[in-house]
């Protein structure tokens, strides 16, 4: 089994976001909009928006 750790998480809190409880993918997180999260559709909204913009810039249709 593989696992990873965020370099900004210290004792369960995010050192980057004013010591908020670490919640990967939350607004302001370095992972937000870069990765797909199975647990939360809300966290995936930024990734979908980014993919739609990229599809429009390239002249192609955005894929769902």
PDB file of N, CA and C in Angstrom:
ATOM      1  N   UNK A   1       0.843  -1.182   0.000  1.00  0.00           N
ATOM      2  CA  UNK A   1       0.000   0.000   0.000  1.00  0.00           C
ATOM      3  C   UNK A   1       0.888   1.245   0.000  1.00  0.00           C
ATOM      4  N   UNK A   2       0.575   2.178  -0.855  1.00  0.00           N
ATOM      5  CA  UNK A   2       1.360   3.413  -0.952  1.00  0.00           C
ATOM      6  C   UNK A   2       0.642   4.544  -0.226  1.00  0.00           C
ATOM      7  N   UNK A   3       1.425   5.449   0.304  1.00  0.00           N
ATOM      8  CA  UNK A   3       0.843   6.629   0.944  1.00  0.00           C
ATOM      9  C   UNK A   3       1.753   7.821   0.677  1.00  0.00           C
ATOM     10  N   UNK A   4       1.257   8.977   0.955  1.00  0.00           N
ATOM     11  CA  UNK A   4       2.027  10.196   0.731  1.00  0.00           C
ATOM     12  C   UNK A   4       1.763  11.139   1.891  1.00  0.00           C
ATOM     13  N   UNK A   5       2.563  12.143   1.999  1.00  0.00           N
ATOM     14  CA  UNK A   5       2.364  13.147   3.028  1.00  0.00           C
ATOM     15  C   UNK A   5       2.584  14.528   2.451  1.00  0.00           C
ATOM     16  N   UNK A   6       1.765  15.457   2.857  1.00  0.00           N
ATOM     17  CA  UNK A   6       1.904  16.833   2.398  1.00  0.00           C
ATOM     18  C   UNK A   6       3.029  17.506   3.179  1.00  0.00           C
ATOM     19  N   UNK A   7       3.927  18.188   2.486  1.00  0.00           N
ATOM     20  CA  UNK A   7       5.026  18.848   3.192  1.00  0.00           C
ATOM     21  C   UNK A   7       4.565  20.016   4.068  1.00  0.00           C
ATOM     22  N   UNK A   8       3.330  20.481   3.867  1.00  0.00           N
ATOM     23  CA  UNK A   8       2.815  21.604   4.654  1.00  0.00           C
ATOM     24  C   UNK A   8       2.050  21.147   5.894  1.00  0.00           C
ATOM     25  N   UNK A   9       1.786  19.839   6.009  1.00  0.00           N
ATOM     26  CA  UNK A   9       1.040  19.319   7.155  1.00  0.00           C
ATOM     27  C   UNK A   9       1.985  19.054   8.320  1.00  0.00           C
ATOM     28  N   UNK A  10       1.699  19.689   9.445  1.00  0.00           N
ATOM     29  CA  UNK A  10       2.475  19.490  10.659  1.00  0.00           C
ATOM     30  C   UNK A  10       1.490  19.228  11.788  1.00  0.00           C
ATOM     31  N   UNK A  11       1.563  18.029  12.350  1.00  0.00           N
ATOM     32  CA  UNK A  11       0.661  17.619  13.429  1.00  0.00           C
ATOM     33  C   UNK A  11      -0.809  17.778  13.053  1.00  0.00           C
ATOM     34  N   UNK A  12      -1.161  17.447  11.795  1.00  0.00           N
ATOM     35  CA  UNK A  12      -2.546  17.497  11.352  1.00  0.00           C
ATOM     36  C   UNK A  12      -3.044  18.876  10.976  1.00  0.00           C
ATOM     37  N   UNK A  13      -2.160  19.867  11.014  1.00  0.00           N
ATOM     38  CA  UNK A  13      -2.546  21.235  10.652  1.00  0.00           C
ATOM     39  C   UNK A  13      -1.715  21.713   9.474  1.00  0.00           C
ATOM     40  N   UNK A  14      -2.300  22.612   8.685  1.00  0.00           N
ATOM     41  CA  UNK A  14      -1.624  23.130   7.500  1.00  0.00           C
ATOM     42  C   UNK A  14      -0.787  24.352   7.865  1.00  0.00           C
ATOM     43  N   UNK A  15       0.516  24.226   7.706  1.00  0.00           N
ATOM     44  CA  UNK A  15       1.416  25.337   8.004  1.00  0.00           C
ATOM     45  C   UNK A  15       1.279  26.455   6.973  1.00  0.00           C
ATOM     46  N   UNK A  16       0.752  26.142   5.815  1.00  0.00           N
ATOM     47  CA  UNK A  16       0.602  27.132   4.751  1.00  0.00           C
ATOM     48  C   UNK A  16      -0.667  27.972   4.919  1.00  0.00           C
ATOM     49  N   UNK A  17      -1.715  27.376   5.496  1.00  0.00           N
ATOM     50  CA  UNK A  17      -3.017  28.041   5.592  1.00  0.00           C
ATOM     51  C   UNK A  17      -3.378  28.376   7.041  1.00  0.00           C
ATOM     52  N   UNK A  18      -2.566  29.152   7.678  1.00  0.00           N
ATOM     53  CA  UNK A  18      -2.841  29.669   9.023  1.00  0.00           C
ATOM     54  C   UNK A  18      -3.194  28.595  10.034  1.00  0.00           C
ATOM     55  N   UNK A  19      -2.508  27.460   9.950  1.00  0.00           N
ATOM     56  CA  UNK A  19      -2.675  26.366  10.910  1.00  0.00           C
ATOM     57  C   UNK A  19      -4.093  25.808  10.973  1.00  0.00           C
ATOM     58  N   UNK A  20      -4.828  25.865   9.855  1.00  0.00           N
ATOM     59  CA  UNK A  20      -6.143  25.226   9.788  1.00  0.00           C
ATOM     60  C   UNK A  20      -5.951  23.716   9.791  1.00  0.00           C
ATOM     61  N   UNK A  21      -6.979  22.982  10.176  1.00  0.00           N
ATOM     62  CA  UNK A  21      -6.914  21.535  10.122  1.00  0.00           C
ATOM     63  C   UNK A  21      -6.675  21.123   8.676  1.00  0.00           C
ATOM     64  N   UNK A  22      -5.695  20.255   8.470  1.00  0.00           N
ATOM     65  CA  UNK A  22      -5.337  19.831   7.119  1.00  0.00           C
ATOM     66  C   UNK A  22      -6.490  19.063   6.485  1.00  0.00           C
ATOM     67  N   UNK A  23      -6.919  19.534   5.331  1.00  0.00           N
ATOM     68  CA  UNK A  23      -7.975  18.901   4.557  1.00  0.00           C
ATOM     69  C   UNK A  23      -7.540  18.970   3.094  1.00  0.00           C
ATOM     70  N   UNK A  24      -6.811  17.954   2.623  1.00  0.00           N
ATOM     71  CA  UNK A  24      -6.275  18.005   1.263  1.00  0.00           C
ATOM     72  C   UNK A  24      -7.326  18.363   0.227  1.00  0.00           C
ATOM     73  N   UNK A  25      -6.999  19.342  -0.589  1.00  0.00           N
ATOM     74  CA  UNK A  25      -7.899  19.784  -1.646  1.00  0.00           C
ATOM     75  C   UNK A  25      -8.749  20.985  -1.286  1.00  0.00           C
ATOM     76  N   UNK A  26      -8.689  21.436  -0.023  1.00  0.00           N
ATOM     77  CA  UNK A  26      -9.502  22.595   0.364  1.00  0.00           C
ATOM     78  C   UNK A  26      -8.989  23.854  -0.325  1.00  0.00           C
ATOM     79  N   UNK A  27      -9.795  24.886  -0.328  1.00  0.00           N
ATOM     80  CA  UNK A  27      -9.417  26.138  -0.972  1.00  0.00           C
ATOM     81  C   UNK A  27      -8.099  26.641  -0.387  1.00  0.00           C
ATOM     82  N   UNK A  28      -7.160  26.944  -1.267  1.00  0.00           N
ATOM     83  CA  UNK A  28      -5.846  27.416  -0.844  1.00  0.00           C
ATOM     84  C   UNK A  28      -4.801  26.324  -0.758  1.00  0.00           C
ATOM     85  N   UNK A  29      -5.234  25.077  -0.758  1.00  0.00           N
ATOM     86  CA  UNK A  29      -4.317  23.936  -0.684  1.00  0.00           C
ATOM     87  C   UNK A  29      -3.542  23.816  -1.991  1.00  0.00           C
ATOM     88  N   UNK A  30      -2.277  23.435  -1.897  1.00  0.00           N
ATOM     89  CA  UNK A  30      -1.464  23.281  -3.108  1.00  0.00           C
ATOM     90  C   UNK A  30      -1.972  22.147  -3.987  1.00  0.00           C
ATOM     91  N   UNK A  31      -2.795  21.259  -3.445  1.00  0.00           N
ATOM     92  CA  UNK A  31      -3.330  20.144  -4.218  1.00  0.00           C
ATOM     93  C   UNK A  31      -4.625  20.496  -4.938  1.00  0.00           C
ATOM     94  N   UNK A  32      -5.293  21.555  -4.501  1.00  0.00           N
ATOM     95  CA  UNK A  32      -6.594  21.935  -5.076  1.00  0.00           C
ATOM     96  C   UNK A  32      -6.449  22.263  -6.552  1.00  0.00           C
ATOM     97  N   UNK A  33      -7.314  21.674  -7.363  1.00  0.00           N
ATOM     98  CA  UNK A  33      -7.303  21.936  -8.793  1.00  0.00           C
ATOM     99  C   UNK A  33      -6.241  21.191  -9.565  1.00  0.00           C
ATOM    100  N   UNK A  34      -5.442  20.388  -8.876  1.00  0.00           N
ATOM    101  CA  UNK A  34      -4.386  19.642  -9.547  1.00  0.00           C
ATOM    102  C   UNK A  34      -4.646  18.143  -9.558  1.00  0.00           C
ATOM    103  N   UNK A  35      -5.448  17.674  -8.602  1.00  0.00           N
ATOM    104  CA  UNK A  35      -5.696  16.251  -8.461  1.00  0.00           C
ATOM    105  C   UNK A  35      -7.185  15.990  -8.304  1.00  0.00           C
ATOM    106  N   UNK A  36      -7.614  14.753  -8.628  1.00  0.00           N
ATOM    107  CA  UNK A  36      -9.004  14.349  -8.488  1.00  0.00           C
ATOM    108  C   UNK A  36      -9.170  13.658  -7.140  1.00  0.00           C
ATOM    109  N   UNK A  37     -10.196  14.062  -6.390  1.00  0.00           N
ATOM    110  CA  UNK A  37     -10.465  13.487  -5.080  1.00  0.00           C
ATOM    111  C   UNK A  37     -11.730  12.647  -5.144  1.00  0.00           C
ATOM    112  N   UNK A  38     -11.646  11.394  -4.757  1.00  0.00           N
ATOM    113  CA  UNK A  38     -12.804  10.509  -4.778  1.00  0.00           C
ATOM    114  C   UNK A  38     -13.817  10.857  -3.697  1.00  0.00           C
ATOM    115  N   UNK A  39     -13.359  11.413  -2.595  1.00  0.00           N
ATOM    116  CA  UNK A  39     -14.222  11.620  -1.436  1.00  0.00           C
ATOM    117  C   UNK A  39     -15.117  12.851  -1.523  1.00  0.00           C
ATOM    118  N   UNK A  40     -14.829  13.802  -2.389  1.00  0.00           N
ATOM    119  CA  UNK A  40     -15.590  15.044  -2.376  1.00  0.00           C
ATOM    120  C   UNK A  40     -15.733  15.651  -3.768  1.00  0.00           C
ATOM    121  N   UNK A  41     -16.963  15.784  -4.209  1.00  0.00           N
ATOM    122  CA  UNK A  41     -17.218  16.414  -5.498  1.00  0.00           C
ATOM    123  C   UNK A  41     -16.930  17.913  -5.423  1.00  0.00           C
ATOM    124  N   UNK A  42     -17.124  18.505  -4.256  1.00  0.00           N
ATOM    125  CA  UNK A  42     -16.872  19.930  -4.081  1.00  0.00           C
ATOM    126  C   UNK A  42     -15.396  20.264  -4.306  1.00  0.00           C
ATOM    127  N   UNK A  43     -14.499  19.391  -3.855  1.00  0.00           N
ATOM    128  CA  UNK A  43     -13.065  19.617  -4.035  1.00  0.00           C
ATOM    129  C   UNK A  43     -12.657  19.511  -5.497  1.00  0.00           C
ATOM    130  N   UNK A  44     -13.424  18.776  -6.285  1.00  0.00           N
ATOM    131  CA  UNK A  44     -13.095  18.564  -7.698  1.00  0.00           C
ATOM    132  C   UNK A  44     -13.605  19.678  -8.597  1.00  0.00           C
ATOM    133  N   UNK A  45     -14.361  20.603  -8.062  1.00  0.00           N
ATOM    134  CA  UNK A  45     -14.938  21.690  -8.860  1.00  0.00           C
ATOM    135  C   UNK A  45     -13.840  22.508  -9.539  1.00  0.00           C
ATOM    136  N   UNK A  46     -12.781  22.864  -8.820  1.00  0.00           N
ATOM    137  CA  UNK A  46     -11.705  23.673  -9.413  1.00  0.00           C
ATOM    138  C   UNK A  46     -11.003  22.929 -10.538  1.00  0.00           C
ATOM    139  N   UNK A  47     -10.818  21.620 -10.377  1.00  0.00           N
ATOM    140  CA  UNK A  47     -10.172  20.840 -11.425  1.00  0.00           C
ATOM    141  C   UNK A  47     -11.040  20.817 -12.678  1.00  0.00           C
ATOM    142  N   UNK A  48     -12.350  20.634 -12.516  1.00  0.00           N
ATOM    143  CA  UNK A  48     -13.251  20.629 -13.677  1.00  0.00           C
ATOM    144  C   UNK A  48     -13.258  21.992 -14.358  1.00  0.00           C
ATOM    145  N   UNK A  49     -13.267  23.078 -13.574  1.00  0.00           N
ATOM    146  CA  UNK A  49     -13.240  24.422 -14.164  1.00  0.00           C
ATOM    147  C   UNK A  49     -11.959  24.635 -14.948  1.00  0.00           C
ATOM    148  N   UNK A  50     -10.853  24.179 -14.408  1.00  0.00           N
ATOM    149  CA  UNK A  50      -9.562  24.312 -15.076  1.00  0.00           C
ATOM    150  C   UNK A  50      -9.550  23.516 -16.383  1.00  0.00           C
ATOM    151  N   UNK A  51     -10.119  22.302 -16.354  1.00  0.00           N
ATOM    152  CA  UNK A  51     -10.168  21.485 -17.557  1.00  0.00           C
ATOM    153  C   UNK A  51     -11.055  22.116 -18.621  1.00  0.00           C
ATOM    154  N   UNK A  52     -12.156  22.740 -18.209  1.00  0.00           N
ATOM    155  CA  UNK A  52     -13.038  23.408 -19.161  1.00  0.00           C
ATOM    156  C   UNK A  52     -12.341  24.595 -19.811  1.00  0.00           C
ATOM    157  N   UNK A  53     -11.617  25.392 -19.024  1.00  0.00           N
ATOM    158  CA  UNK A  53     -10.880  26.534 -19.582  1.00  0.00           C
ATOM    159  C   UNK A  53      -9.830  26.056 -20.574  1.00  0.00           C
ATOM    160  N   UNK A  54      -9.112  25.006 -20.225  1.00  0.00           N
ATOM    161  CA  UNK A  54      -8.069  24.474 -21.095  1.00  0.00           C
ATOM    162  C   UNK A  54      -8.667  23.973 -22.394  1.00  0.00           C
ATOM    163  N   UNK A  55      -9.803  23.303 -22.314  1.00  0.00           N
ATOM    164  CA  UNK A  55     -10.466  22.797 -23.521  1.00  0.00           C
ATOM    165  C   UNK A  55     -10.908  23.923 -24.427  1.00  0.00           C
ATOM    166  N   UNK A  56     -11.400  25.011 -23.844  1.00  0.00           N
ATOM    167  CA  UNK A  56     -11.855  26.154 -24.639  1.00  0.00           C
ATOM    168  C   UNK A  56     -10.678  26.892 -25.267  1.00  0.00           C
ATOM    169  N   UNK A  57      -9.548  26.979 -24.535  1.00  0.00           N
ATOM    170  CA  UNK A  57      -8.389  27.678 -25.064  1.00  0.00           C
ATOM    171  C   UNK A  57      -7.804  26.941 -26.263  1.00  0.00           C
ATOM    172  N   UNK A  58      -7.884  25.604 -26.251  1.00  0.00           N
ATOM    173  CA  UNK A  58      -7.320  24.814 -27.331  1.00  0.00           C
ATOM    174  C   UNK A  58      -8.273  24.706 -28.500  1.00  0.00           C
ATOM    175  N   UNK A  59      -9.496  25.240 -28.334  1.00  0.00           N
ATOM    176  CA  UNK A  59     -10.457  25.209 -29.414  1.00  0.00           C
ATOM    177  C   UNK A  59     -11.272  23.926 -29.463  1.00  0.00           C
ATOM    178  N   UNK A  60     -11.028  23.022 -28.510  1.00  0.00           N
ATOM    179  CA  UNK A  60     -11.773  21.774 -28.479  1.00  0.00           C
ATOM    180  C   UNK A  60     -12.950  21.869 -27.533  1.00  0.00           C
ATOM    181  N   UNK A  61     -13.798  20.886 -27.582  1.00  0.00           N
ATOM    182  CA  UNK A  61     -14.936  20.827 -26.685  1.00  0.00           C
ATOM    183  C   UNK A  61     -14.484  20.259 -25.353  1.00  0.00           C
ATOM    184  N   UNK A  62     -14.961  20.810 -24.219  1.00  0.00           N
ATOM    185  CA  UNK A  62     -14.596  20.233 -22.922  1.00  0.00           C
ATOM    186  C   UNK A  62     -15.202  18.847 -22.778  1.00  0.00           C
ATOM    187  N   UNK A  63     -14.461  17.946 -22.180  1.00  0.00           N
ATOM    188  CA  UNK A  63     -14.957  16.598 -21.990  1.00  0.00           C
ATOM    189  C   UNK A  63     -15.495  16.449 -20.589  1.00  0.00           C
ATOM    190  N   UNK A  64     -16.538  15.638 -20.445  1.00  0.00           N
ATOM    191  CA  UNK A  64     -17.139  15.396 -19.129  1.00  0.00           C
ATOM    192  C   UNK A  64     -16.694  14.082 -18.569  1.00  0.00           C
TER     193      UNK A  64
END
